[in-house]
Amino acid sequence: MGLWVNTADTGNQARQLNTLTGMMTGIVQSKRCHFEVMASKSPDESQVDSRVKRFSRYTQNETVDRETCFMPFLEEVVAGLARRGTLGVVMDGSEVGRHCLALIVSLVYKGRALPLDWTVVTGNKGHFPETDVIFLGDGEFDGLILLAETKAAGWHYVCRTAHNRWVCEQETWLQLHELGLQPGGYICLPE
Protein backbone atom coordinates (compact mmCIF):
# COMPACT_ATOMS: atom_id res chain seq x y z
CA MET A 1 0.00 0.00 0.00
CA GLY A 2 2.31 2.83 1.28
CA LEU A 3 0.66 5.79 -0.50
CA TRP A 4 2.92 8.24 1.29
CA VAL A 5 5.22 7.32 4.07
CA ASN A 6 7.67 9.91 5.31
CA THR A 7 11.17 8.44 5.13
CA ALA A 8 11.65 9.61 8.72
CA ASP A 9 8.78 7.33 9.80
CA THR A 10 9.97 3.94 10.90
CA GLY A 11 8.43 0.74 12.16
CA ASN A 12 5.20 1.41 14.01
CA GLN A 13 4.79 4.93 12.63
CA ALA A 14 4.96 3.69 9.04
CA ARG A 15 2.58 0.79 9.78
CA GLN A 16 0.12 3.13 11.50
CA LEU A 17 0.22 5.53 8.57
CA ASN A 18 -0.38 2.68 6.13
CA THR A 19 -3.33 1.50 8.22
CA LEU A 20 -4.82 5.00 8.28
CA THR A 21 -4.27 5.32 4.53
CA GLY A 22 -6.05 2.00 3.99
CA MET A 23 -8.95 3.06 6.19
CA MET A 24 -9.40 6.41 4.44
CA THR A 25 -9.14 4.79 1.00
CA GLY A 26 -11.66 2.16 2.09
CA ILE A 27 -14.11 4.85 3.26
CA VAL A 28 -13.86 6.78 -0.01
CA GLN A 29 -14.03 3.69 -2.25
CA SER A 30 -16.83 1.89 -0.37
CA LYS A 31 -18.76 4.99 0.73
CA ARG A 32 -19.16 3.27 4.10
CA CYS A 33 -17.33 3.39 7.42
CA HIS A 34 -17.87 -0.16 8.69
CA PHE A 35 -14.57 -2.00 9.12
CA GLU A 36 -15.60 -4.98 6.98
CA VAL A 37 -16.72 -2.83 4.05
CA MET A 38 -13.74 -0.47 4.34
CA ALA A 39 -11.37 -3.43 4.46
CA SER A 40 -12.87 -4.96 1.32
CA LYS A 41 -12.07 -1.76 -0.63
CA SER A 42 -8.70 -1.05 0.96
CA PRO A 43 -5.77 -1.47 -1.49
CA ASP A 44 -3.90 -4.15 0.42
CA GLU A 45 -2.81 -7.69 -0.40
CA SER A 46 -3.61 -9.11 3.06
CA GLN A 47 -6.82 -10.99 3.83
CA VAL A 48 -9.91 -8.86 4.49
CA ASP A 49 -10.25 -10.36 8.01
CA SER A 50 -6.67 -9.30 8.77
CA ARG A 51 -7.39 -5.75 7.62
CA VAL A 52 -10.54 -5.62 9.79
CA LYS A 53 -8.49 -6.66 12.85
CA ARG A 54 -5.79 -4.11 11.98
CA PHE A 55 -8.37 -1.31 11.58
CA SER A 56 -9.99 -2.24 14.90
CA ARG A 57 -6.65 -2.35 16.73
CA TYR A 58 -5.65 0.99 15.19
CA THR A 59 -8.81 2.77 16.41
CA GLN A 60 -8.38 1.35 19.92
CA ASN A 61 -4.63 1.97 20.18
CA GLU A 62 -4.01 4.63 22.82
CA THR A 63 -0.53 5.38 21.44
CA VAL A 64 -2.02 6.57 18.15
CA ASP A 65 -2.19 10.29 18.77
CA ARG A 66 -3.89 12.86 16.61
CA GLU A 67 -0.89 15.14 16.00
CA THR A 68 1.54 12.41 14.95
CA CYS A 69 -0.68 9.89 13.18
CA PHE A 70 -3.70 11.77 11.86
CA MET A 71 -2.80 15.41 11.15
CA PRO A 72 0.07 14.84 8.66
CA PHE A 73 -2.17 12.54 6.62
CA LEU A 74 -5.11 14.93 6.87
CA GLU A 75 -3.01 17.91 5.78
CA GLU A 76 -2.02 16.07 2.59
CA VAL A 77 -5.62 15.03 1.85
CA VAL A 78 -6.95 18.57 2.38
CA ALA A 79 -4.14 20.14 0.31
CA GLY A 80 -4.78 17.69 -2.54
CA LEU A 81 -8.53 18.31 -2.54
CA ALA A 82 -8.05 22.09 -2.26
CA ARG A 83 -6.13 22.04 -5.55
CA ARG A 84 -9.31 20.68 -7.17
CA GLY A 85 -11.50 23.57 -6.08
CA THR A 86 -13.73 24.76 -3.28
CA LEU A 87 -13.76 22.71 -0.09
CA GLY A 88 -17.03 22.08 1.72
CA VAL A 89 -16.86 21.67 5.49
CA VAL A 90 -19.83 20.44 7.56
CA MET A 91 -20.47 20.10 11.27
CA ASP A 92 -22.77 17.43 12.71
CA GLY A 93 -23.67 16.03 16.08
CA SER A 94 -24.40 12.31 16.41
CA GLU A 95 -25.26 9.95 19.23
CA VAL A 96 -22.41 7.51 19.86
CA GLY A 97 -22.38 4.79 22.45
CA ARG A 98 -24.47 5.02 25.57
CA HIS A 99 -25.28 8.59 26.65
CA CYS A 100 -22.54 10.15 24.51
CA LEU A 101 -22.60 12.65 21.66
CA ALA A 102 -19.94 13.27 19.04
CA LEU A 103 -19.52 16.67 17.43
CA ILE A 104 -17.74 16.07 14.13
CA VAL A 105 -16.32 18.57 11.63
CA SER A 106 -15.94 16.90 8.24
CA LEU A 107 -14.72 17.69 4.74
CA VAL A 108 -17.27 16.86 2.06
CA TYR A 109 -15.84 14.94 -0.90
CA LYS A 110 -17.98 13.24 -3.56
CA GLY A 111 -20.97 13.17 -1.24
CA ARG A 112 -18.98 11.63 1.64
CA ALA A 113 -18.02 13.28 4.90
CA LEU A 114 -14.33 12.74 5.70
CA PRO A 115 -13.79 13.56 9.40
CA LEU A 116 -11.38 16.40 10.11
CA ASP A 117 -11.84 16.68 13.86
CA TRP A 118 -14.26 15.57 16.55
CA THR A 119 -15.00 15.65 20.22
CA VAL A 120 -17.15 13.30 22.29
CA VAL A 121 -19.09 14.52 25.31
CA THR A 122 -21.49 12.95 27.77
CA GLY A 123 -25.06 13.82 26.95
CA ASN A 124 -28.35 12.71 25.49
CA LYS A 125 -29.58 12.99 21.94
CA GLY A 126 -30.58 16.50 21.05
CA HIS A 127 -28.87 19.72 20.22
CA PHE A 128 -25.39 20.71 21.27
CA PRO A 129 -25.38 23.90 23.31
CA GLU A 130 -24.31 27.00 21.43
CA THR A 131 -20.69 27.82 21.91
CA ASP A 132 -18.12 30.37 20.88
CA VAL A 133 -16.22 29.50 17.72
CA ILE A 134 -12.68 30.72 17.17
CA PHE A 135 -11.33 30.43 13.62
CA LEU A 136 -7.56 29.93 13.65
CA GLY A 137 -5.76 30.50 10.39
CA ASP A 138 -2.30 30.79 8.96
CA GLY A 139 -1.23 33.69 6.70
CA GLU A 140 -3.16 32.48 3.67
CA PHE A 141 -6.42 32.93 5.63
CA ASP A 142 -6.04 36.62 6.45
CA GLY A 143 -8.05 37.85 3.46
CA LEU A 144 -10.68 40.50 4.12
CA ILE A 145 -13.55 38.55 2.54
CA LEU A 146 -12.94 35.44 4.65
CA LEU A 147 -12.53 37.48 7.83
CA ALA A 148 -15.72 39.44 7.07
CA GLU A 149 -17.63 36.16 6.56
CA THR A 150 -16.18 34.80 9.79
CA LYS A 151 -17.25 37.93 11.66
CA ALA A 152 -20.73 37.85 10.05
CA ALA A 153 -21.17 34.28 11.34
CA GLY A 154 -20.51 35.58 14.84
CA TRP A 155 -17.19 33.77 15.10
CA HIS A 156 -13.98 35.11 16.56
CA TYR A 157 -10.81 34.76 14.55
CA VAL A 158 -7.07 34.68 14.99
CA CYS A 159 -4.98 34.73 11.84
CA ARG A 160 -1.29 35.04 11.26
CA THR A 161 -0.53 37.89 8.89
CA ALA A 162 2.38 39.77 7.33
CA HIS A 163 4.12 42.55 9.24
CA ASN A 164 3.62 44.92 6.29
CA ARG A 165 -0.19 44.48 6.25
CA TRP A 166 -2.06 47.81 6.29
CA VAL A 167 -4.55 48.60 9.07
CA CYS A 168 -6.52 51.69 9.95
CA GLU A 169 -6.30 53.00 13.52
CA GLN A 170 -8.42 56.09 14.26
CA GLU A 171 -8.49 57.10 10.59
CA THR A 172 -4.72 56.73 10.26
CA TRP A 173 -3.34 54.02 7.97
CA LEU A 174 -0.32 52.12 9.32
CA GLN A 175 1.54 48.94 8.58
CA LEU A 176 1.44 46.40 11.41
CA HIS A 177 5.18 46.66 12.09
CA GLU A 178 4.67 50.38 12.84
CA LEU A 179 2.52 49.51 15.87
CA GLY A 180 5.56 48.25 17.81
CA LEU A 181 3.98 44.86 18.49
CA GLN A 182 6.45 42.27 19.83
CA PRO A 183 6.18 38.45 19.72
CA GLY A 184 3.75 37.31 22.40
CA GLY A 185 2.13 40.73 22.60
CA TYR A 186 -1.22 41.87 21.27
CA ILE A 187 -3.13 44.99 20.42
CA CYS A 188 -6.85 45.51 19.92
CA LEU A 189 -7.96 47.44 16.85
CA PRO A 190 -11.78 47.63 17.01
CA GLU A 191 -13.49 47.54 13.62
C-alpha atoms as a PDB file:
ATOM      1  CA  MET A   1       0.000   0.000   0.000  1.00  0.00           C
ATOM      2  CA  GLY A   2       2.310   2.834   1.282  1.00  0.00           C
ATOM      3  CA  LEU A   3       0.657   5.786  -0.501  1.00  0.00           C
ATOM      4  CA  TRP A   4       2.922   8.238   1.295  1.00  0.00           C
ATOM      5  CA  VAL A   5       5.222   7.324   4.070  1.00  0.00           C
ATOM      6  CA  ASN A   6       7.672   9.905   5.308  1.00  0.00           C
ATOM      7  CA  THR A   7      11.166   8.435   5.131  1.00  0.00           C
ATOM      8  CA  ALA A   8      11.653   9.608   8.725  1.00  0.00           C
ATOM      9  CA  ASP A   9       8.783   7.331   9.798  1.00  0.00           C
ATOM     10  CA  THR A  10       9.974   3.944  10.902  1.00  0.00           C
ATOM     11  CA  GLY A  11       8.428   0.737  12.164  1.00  0.00           C
ATOM     12  CA  ASN A  12       5.195   1.406  14.015  1.00  0.00           C
ATOM     13  CA  GLN A  13       4.787   4.931  12.633  1.00  0.00           C
ATOM     14  CA  ALA A  14       4.959   3.688   9.038  1.00  0.00           C
ATOM     15  CA  ARG A  15       2.578   0.794   9.777  1.00  0.00           C
ATOM     16  CA  GLN A  16       0.119   3.129  11.499  1.00  0.00           C
ATOM     17  CA  LEU A  17       0.220   5.534   8.573  1.00  0.00           C
ATOM     18  CA  ASN A  18      -0.376   2.682   6.128  1.00  0.00           C
ATOM     19  CA  THR A  19      -3.328   1.500   8.224  1.00  0.00           C
ATOM     20  CA  LEU A  20      -4.822   4.997   8.275  1.00  0.00           C
ATOM     21  CA  THR A  21      -4.271   5.317   4.525  1.00  0.00           C
ATOM     22  CA  GLY A  22      -6.051   2.002   3.991  1.00  0.00           C
ATOM     23  CA  MET A  23      -8.954   3.061   6.191  1.00  0.00           C
ATOM     24  CA  MET A  24      -9.402   6.408   4.440  1.00  0.00           C
ATOM     25  CA  THR A  25      -9.143   4.789   0.999  1.00  0.00           C
ATOM     26  CA  GLY A  26     -11.663   2.161   2.090  1.00  0.00           C
ATOM     27  CA  ILE A  27     -14.108   4.847   3.260  1.00  0.00           C
ATOM     28  CA  VAL A  28     -13.855   6.782  -0.008  1.00  0.00           C
ATOM     29  CA  GLN A  29     -14.026   3.691  -2.247  1.00  0.00           C
ATOM     30  CA  SER A  30     -16.831   1.893  -0.375  1.00  0.00           C
ATOM     31  CA  LYS A  31     -18.760   4.987   0.728  1.00  0.00           C
ATOM     32  CA  ARG A  32     -19.155   3.267   4.104  1.00  0.00           C
ATOM     33  CA  CYS A  33     -17.325   3.386   7.425  1.00  0.00           C
ATOM     34  CA  HIS A  34     -17.871  -0.164   8.689  1.00  0.00           C
ATOM     35  CA  PHE A  35     -14.573  -1.996   9.119  1.00  0.00           C
ATOM     36  CA  GLU A  36     -15.604  -4.983   6.977  1.00  0.00           C
ATOM     37  CA  VAL A  37     -16.724  -2.826   4.055  1.00  0.00           C
ATOM     38  CA  MET A  38     -13.740  -0.472   4.336  1.00  0.00           C
ATOM     39  CA  ALA A  39     -11.365  -3.430   4.460  1.00  0.00           C
ATOM     40  CA  SER A  40     -12.871  -4.959   1.322  1.00  0.00           C
ATOM     41  CA  LYS A  41     -12.074  -1.763  -0.626  1.00  0.00           C
ATOM     42  CA  SER A  42      -8.698  -1.047   0.960  1.00  0.00           C
ATOM     43  CA  PRO A  43      -5.770  -1.471  -1.491  1.00  0.00           C
ATOM     44  CA  ASP A  44      -3.904  -4.149   0.416  1.00  0.00           C
ATOM     45  CA  GLU A  45      -2.810  -7.687  -0.396  1.00  0.00           C
ATOM     46  CA  SER A  46      -3.611  -9.106   3.060  1.00  0.00           C
ATOM     47  CA  GLN A  47      -6.821 -10.991   3.828  1.00  0.00           C
ATOM     48  CA  VAL A  48      -9.911  -8.859   4.491  1.00  0.00           C
ATOM     49  CA  ASP A  49     -10.246 -10.361   8.006  1.00  0.00           C
ATOM     50  CA  SER A  50      -6.666  -9.303   8.772  1.00  0.00           C
ATOM     51  CA  ARG A  51      -7.394  -5.748   7.624  1.00  0.00           C
ATOM     52  CA  VAL A  52     -10.540  -5.622   9.790  1.00  0.00           C
ATOM     53  CA  LYS A  53      -8.494  -6.660  12.848  1.00  0.00           C
ATOM     54  CA  ARG A  54      -5.792  -4.111  11.982  1.00  0.00           C
ATOM     55  CA  PHE A  55      -8.369  -1.309  11.581  1.00  0.00           C
ATOM     56  CA  SER A  56      -9.993  -2.240  14.897  1.00  0.00           C
ATOM     57  CA  ARG A  57      -6.648  -2.348  16.733  1.00  0.00           C
ATOM     58  CA  TYR A  58      -5.652   0.995  15.195  1.00  0.00           C
ATOM     59  CA  THR A  59      -8.814   2.771  16.407  1.00  0.00           C
ATOM     60  CA  GLN A  60      -8.378   1.346  19.920  1.00  0.00           C
ATOM     61  CA  ASN A  61      -4.631   1.972  20.179  1.00  0.00           C
ATOM     62  CA  GLU A  62      -4.007   4.635  22.824  1.00  0.00           C
ATOM     63  CA  THR A  63      -0.529   5.383  21.443  1.00  0.00           C
ATOM     64  CA  VAL A  64      -2.023   6.567  18.146  1.00  0.00           C
ATOM     65  CA  ASP A  65      -2.192  10.287  18.765  1.00  0.00           C
ATOM     66  CA  ARG A  66      -3.889  12.861  16.607  1.00  0.00           C
ATOM     67  CA  GLU A  67      -0.894  15.138  15.998  1.00  0.00           C
ATOM     68  CA  THR A  68       1.535  12.407  14.945  1.00  0.00           C
ATOM     69  CA  CYS A  69      -0.679   9.892  13.178  1.00  0.00           C
ATOM     70  CA  PHE A  70      -3.696  11.772  11.858  1.00  0.00           C
ATOM     71  CA  MET A  71      -2.804  15.406  11.145  1.00  0.00           C
ATOM     72  CA  PRO A  72       0.068  14.838   8.662  1.00  0.00           C
ATOM     73  CA  PHE A  73      -2.175  12.540   6.617  1.00  0.00           C
ATOM     74  CA  LEU A  74      -5.111  14.928   6.874  1.00  0.00           C
ATOM     75  CA  GLU A  75      -3.007  17.907   5.779  1.00  0.00           C
ATOM     76  CA  GLU A  76      -2.019  16.067   2.589  1.00  0.00           C
ATOM     77  CA  VAL A  77      -5.616  15.032   1.854  1.00  0.00           C
ATOM     78  CA  VAL A  78      -6.949  18.571   2.382  1.00  0.00           C
ATOM     79  CA  ALA A  79      -4.141  20.135   0.311  1.00  0.00           C
ATOM     80  CA  GLY A  80      -4.783  17.688  -2.538  1.00  0.00           C
ATOM     81  CA  LEU A  81      -8.532  18.311  -2.536  1.00  0.00           C
ATOM     82  CA  ALA A  82      -8.050  22.086  -2.262  1.00  0.00           C
ATOM     83  CA  ARG A  83      -6.127  22.037  -5.545  1.00  0.00           C
ATOM     84  CA  ARG A  84      -9.306  20.677  -7.170  1.00  0.00           C
ATOM     85  CA  GLY A  85     -11.498  23.570  -6.082  1.00  0.00           C
ATOM     86  CA  THR A  86     -13.726  24.761  -3.282  1.00  0.00           C
ATOM     87  CA  LEU A  87     -13.761  22.707  -0.093  1.00  0.00           C
ATOM     88  CA  GLY A  88     -17.025  22.082   1.725  1.00  0.00           C
ATOM     89  CA  VAL A  89     -16.860  21.666   5.491  1.00  0.00           C
ATOM     90  CA  VAL A  90     -19.830  20.439   7.558  1.00  0.00           C
ATOM     91  CA  MET A  91     -20.467  20.095  11.274  1.00  0.00           C
ATOM     92  CA  ASP A  92     -22.775  17.434  12.707  1.00  0.00           C
ATOM     93  CA  GLY A  93     -23.673  16.028  16.085  1.00  0.00           C
ATOM     94  CA  SER A  94     -24.404  12.306  16.411  1.00  0.00           C
ATOM     95  CA  GLU A  95     -25.259   9.953  19.230  1.00  0.00           C
ATOM     96  CA  VAL A  96     -22.412   7.515  19.856  1.00  0.00           C
ATOM     97  CA  GLY A  97     -22.384   4.790  22.453  1.00  0.00           C
ATOM     98  CA  ARG A  98     -24.470   5.018  25.570  1.00  0.00           C
ATOM     99  CA  HIS A  99     -25.280   8.589  26.650  1.00  0.00           C
ATOM    100  CA  CYS A 100     -22.537  10.155  24.512  1.00  0.00           C
ATOM    101  CA  LEU A 101     -22.605  12.649  21.660  1.00  0.00           C
ATOM    102  CA  ALA A 102     -19.945  13.271  19.042  1.00  0.00           C
ATOM    103  CA  LEU A 103     -19.517  16.671  17.426  1.00  0.00           C
ATOM    104  CA  ILE A 104     -17.743  16.072  14.127  1.00  0.00           C
ATOM    105  CA  VAL A 105     -16.322  18.568  11.634  1.00  0.00           C
ATOM    106  CA  SER A 106     -15.939  16.903   8.238  1.00  0.00           C
ATOM    107  CA  LEU A 107     -14.720  17.691   4.742  1.00  0.00           C
ATOM    108  CA  VAL A 108     -17.273  16.858   2.057  1.00  0.00           C
ATOM    109  CA  TYR A 109     -15.842  14.936  -0.898  1.00  0.00           C
ATOM    110  CA  LYS A 110     -17.980  13.235  -3.563  1.00  0.00           C
ATOM    111  CA  GLY A 111     -20.966  13.172  -1.236  1.00  0.00           C
ATOM    112  CA  ARG A 112     -18.979  11.625   1.642  1.00  0.00           C
ATOM    113  CA  ALA A 113     -18.018  13.285   4.901  1.00  0.00           C
ATOM    114  CA  LEU A 114     -14.334  12.735   5.697  1.00  0.00           C
ATOM    115  CA  PRO A 115     -13.790  13.563   9.404  1.00  0.00           C
ATOM    116  CA  LEU A 116     -11.376  16.403  10.114  1.00  0.00           C
ATOM    117  CA  ASP A 117     -11.840  16.683  13.864  1.00  0.00           C
ATOM    118  CA  TRP A 118     -14.256  15.573  16.552  1.00  0.00           C
ATOM    119  CA  THR A 119     -14.998  15.651  20.225  1.00  0.00           C
ATOM    120  CA  VAL A 120     -17.150  13.303  22.288  1.00  0.00           C
ATOM    121  CA  VAL A 121     -19.094  14.518  25.309  1.00  0.00           C
ATOM    122  CA  THR A 122     -21.493  12.945  27.770  1.00  0.00           C
ATOM    123  CA  GLY A 123     -25.062  13.825  26.952  1.00  0.00           C
ATOM    124  CA  ASN A 124     -28.352  12.706  25.493  1.00  0.00           C
ATOM    125  CA  LYS A 125     -29.578  12.986  21.936  1.00  0.00           C
ATOM    126  CA  GLY A 126     -30.579  16.497  21.046  1.00  0.00           C
ATOM    127  CA  HIS A 127     -28.874  19.724  20.215  1.00  0.00           C
ATOM    128  CA  PHE A 128     -25.394  20.712  21.274  1.00  0.00           C
ATOM    129  CA  PRO A 129     -25.376  23.900  23.313  1.00  0.00           C
ATOM    130  CA  GLU A 130     -24.312  26.998  21.432  1.00  0.00           C
ATOM    131  CA  THR A 131     -20.686  27.817  21.914  1.00  0.00           C
ATOM    132  CA  ASP A 132     -18.123  30.367  20.883  1.00  0.00           C
ATOM    133  CA  VAL A 133     -16.224  29.498  17.720  1.00  0.00           C
ATOM    134  CA  ILE A 134     -12.680  30.724  17.167  1.00  0.00           C
ATOM    135  CA  PHE A 135     -11.331  30.429  13.617  1.00  0.00           C
ATOM    136  CA  LEU A 136      -7.565  29.925  13.655  1.00  0.00           C
ATOM    137  CA  GLY A 137      -5.760  30.497  10.394  1.00  0.00           C
ATOM    138  CA  ASP A 138      -2.298  30.794   8.955  1.00  0.00           C
ATOM    139  CA  GLY A 139      -1.229  33.686   6.698  1.00  0.00           C
ATOM    140  CA  GLU A 140      -3.161  32.482   3.668  1.00  0.00           C
ATOM    141  CA  PHE A 141      -6.420  32.929   5.633  1.00  0.00           C
ATOM    142  CA  ASP A 142      -6.039  36.622   6.451  1.00  0.00           C
ATOM    143  CA  GLY A 143      -8.053  37.850   3.462  1.00  0.00           C
ATOM    144  CA  LEU A 144     -10.680  40.498   4.123  1.00  0.00           C
ATOM    145  CA  ILE A 145     -13.551  38.552   2.537  1.00  0.00           C
ATOM    146  CA  LEU A 146     -12.937  35.435   4.649  1.00  0.00           C
ATOM    147  CA  LEU A 147     -12.527  37.476   7.826  1.00  0.00           C
ATOM    148  CA  ALA A 148     -15.720  39.437   7.065  1.00  0.00           C
ATOM    149  CA  GLU A 149     -17.626  36.155   6.565  1.00  0.00           C
ATOM    150  CA  THR A 150     -16.184  34.799   9.795  1.00  0.00           C
ATOM    151  CA  LYS A 151     -17.254  37.929  11.664  1.00  0.00           C
ATOM    152  CA  ALA A 152     -20.728  37.852  10.054  1.00  0.00           C
ATOM    153  CA  ALA A 153     -21.166  34.277  11.338  1.00  0.00           C
ATOM    154  CA  GLY A 154     -20.513  35.575  14.843  1.00  0.00           C
ATOM    155  CA  TRP A 155     -17.189  33.769  15.100  1.00  0.00           C
ATOM    156  CA  HIS A 156     -13.981  35.112  16.557  1.00  0.00           C
ATOM    157  CA  TYR A 157     -10.808  34.758  14.549  1.00  0.00           C
ATOM    158  CA  VAL A 158      -7.071  34.679  14.994  1.00  0.00           C
ATOM    159  CA  CYS A 159      -4.981  34.728  11.838  1.00  0.00           C
ATOM    160  CA  ARG A 160      -1.291  35.040  11.264  1.00  0.00           C
ATOM    161  CA  THR A 161      -0.533  37.892   8.889  1.00  0.00           C
ATOM    162  CA  ALA A 162       2.377  39.766   7.328  1.00  0.00           C
ATOM    163  CA  HIS A 163       4.123  42.550   9.239  1.00  0.00           C
ATOM    164  CA  ASN A 164       3.617  44.921   6.294  1.00  0.00           C
ATOM    165  CA  ARG A 165      -0.193  44.480   6.253  1.00  0.00           C
ATOM    166  CA  TRP A 166      -2.056  47.807   6.286  1.00  0.00           C
ATOM    167  CA  VAL A 167      -4.546  48.602   9.070  1.00  0.00           C
ATOM    168  CA  CYS A 168      -6.516  51.692   9.949  1.00  0.00           C
ATOM    169  CA  GLU A 169      -6.298  53.000  13.520  1.00  0.00           C
ATOM    170  CA  GLN A 170      -8.422  56.086  14.261  1.00  0.00           C
ATOM    171  CA  GLU A 171      -8.492  57.099  10.587  1.00  0.00           C
ATOM    172  CA  THR A 172      -4.718  56.734  10.263  1.00  0.00           C
ATOM    173  CA  TRP A 173      -3.337  54.017   7.974  1.00  0.00           C
ATOM    174  CA  LEU A 174      -0.323  52.118   9.325  1.00  0.00           C
ATOM    175  CA  GLN A 175       1.543  48.941   8.577  1.00  0.00           C
ATOM    176  CA  LEU A 176       1.440  46.402  11.412  1.00  0.00           C
ATOM    177  CA  HIS A 177       5.176  46.660  12.094  1.00  0.00           C
ATOM    178  CA  GLU A 178       4.672  50.379  12.838  1.00  0.00           C
ATOM    179  CA  LEU A 179       2.519  49.509  15.872  1.00  0.00           C
ATOM    180  CA  GLY A 180       5.555  48.245  17.813  1.00  0.00           C
ATOM    181  CA  LEU A 181       3.980  44.864  18.492  1.00  0.00           C
ATOM    182  CA  GLN A 182       6.447  42.270  19.830  1.00  0.00           C
ATOM    183  CA  PRO A 183       6.177  38.446  19.716  1.00  0.00           C
ATOM    184  CA  GLY A 184       3.746  37.312  22.399  1.00  0.00           C
ATOM    185  CA  GLY A 185       2.131  40.732  22.604  1.00  0.00           C
ATOM    186  CA  TYR A 186      -1.218  41.870  21.275  1.00  0.00           C
ATOM    187  CA  ILE A 187      -3.126  44.988  20.419  1.00  0.00           C
ATOM    188  CA  CYS A 188      -6.851  45.513  19.924  1.00  0.00           C
ATOM    189  CA  LEU A 189      -7.959  47.444  16.854  1.00  0.00           C
ATOM    190  CA  PRO A 190     -11.777  47.631  17.008  1.00  0.00           C
ATOM    191  CA  GLU A 191     -13.490  47.542  13.624  1.00  0.00           C
END
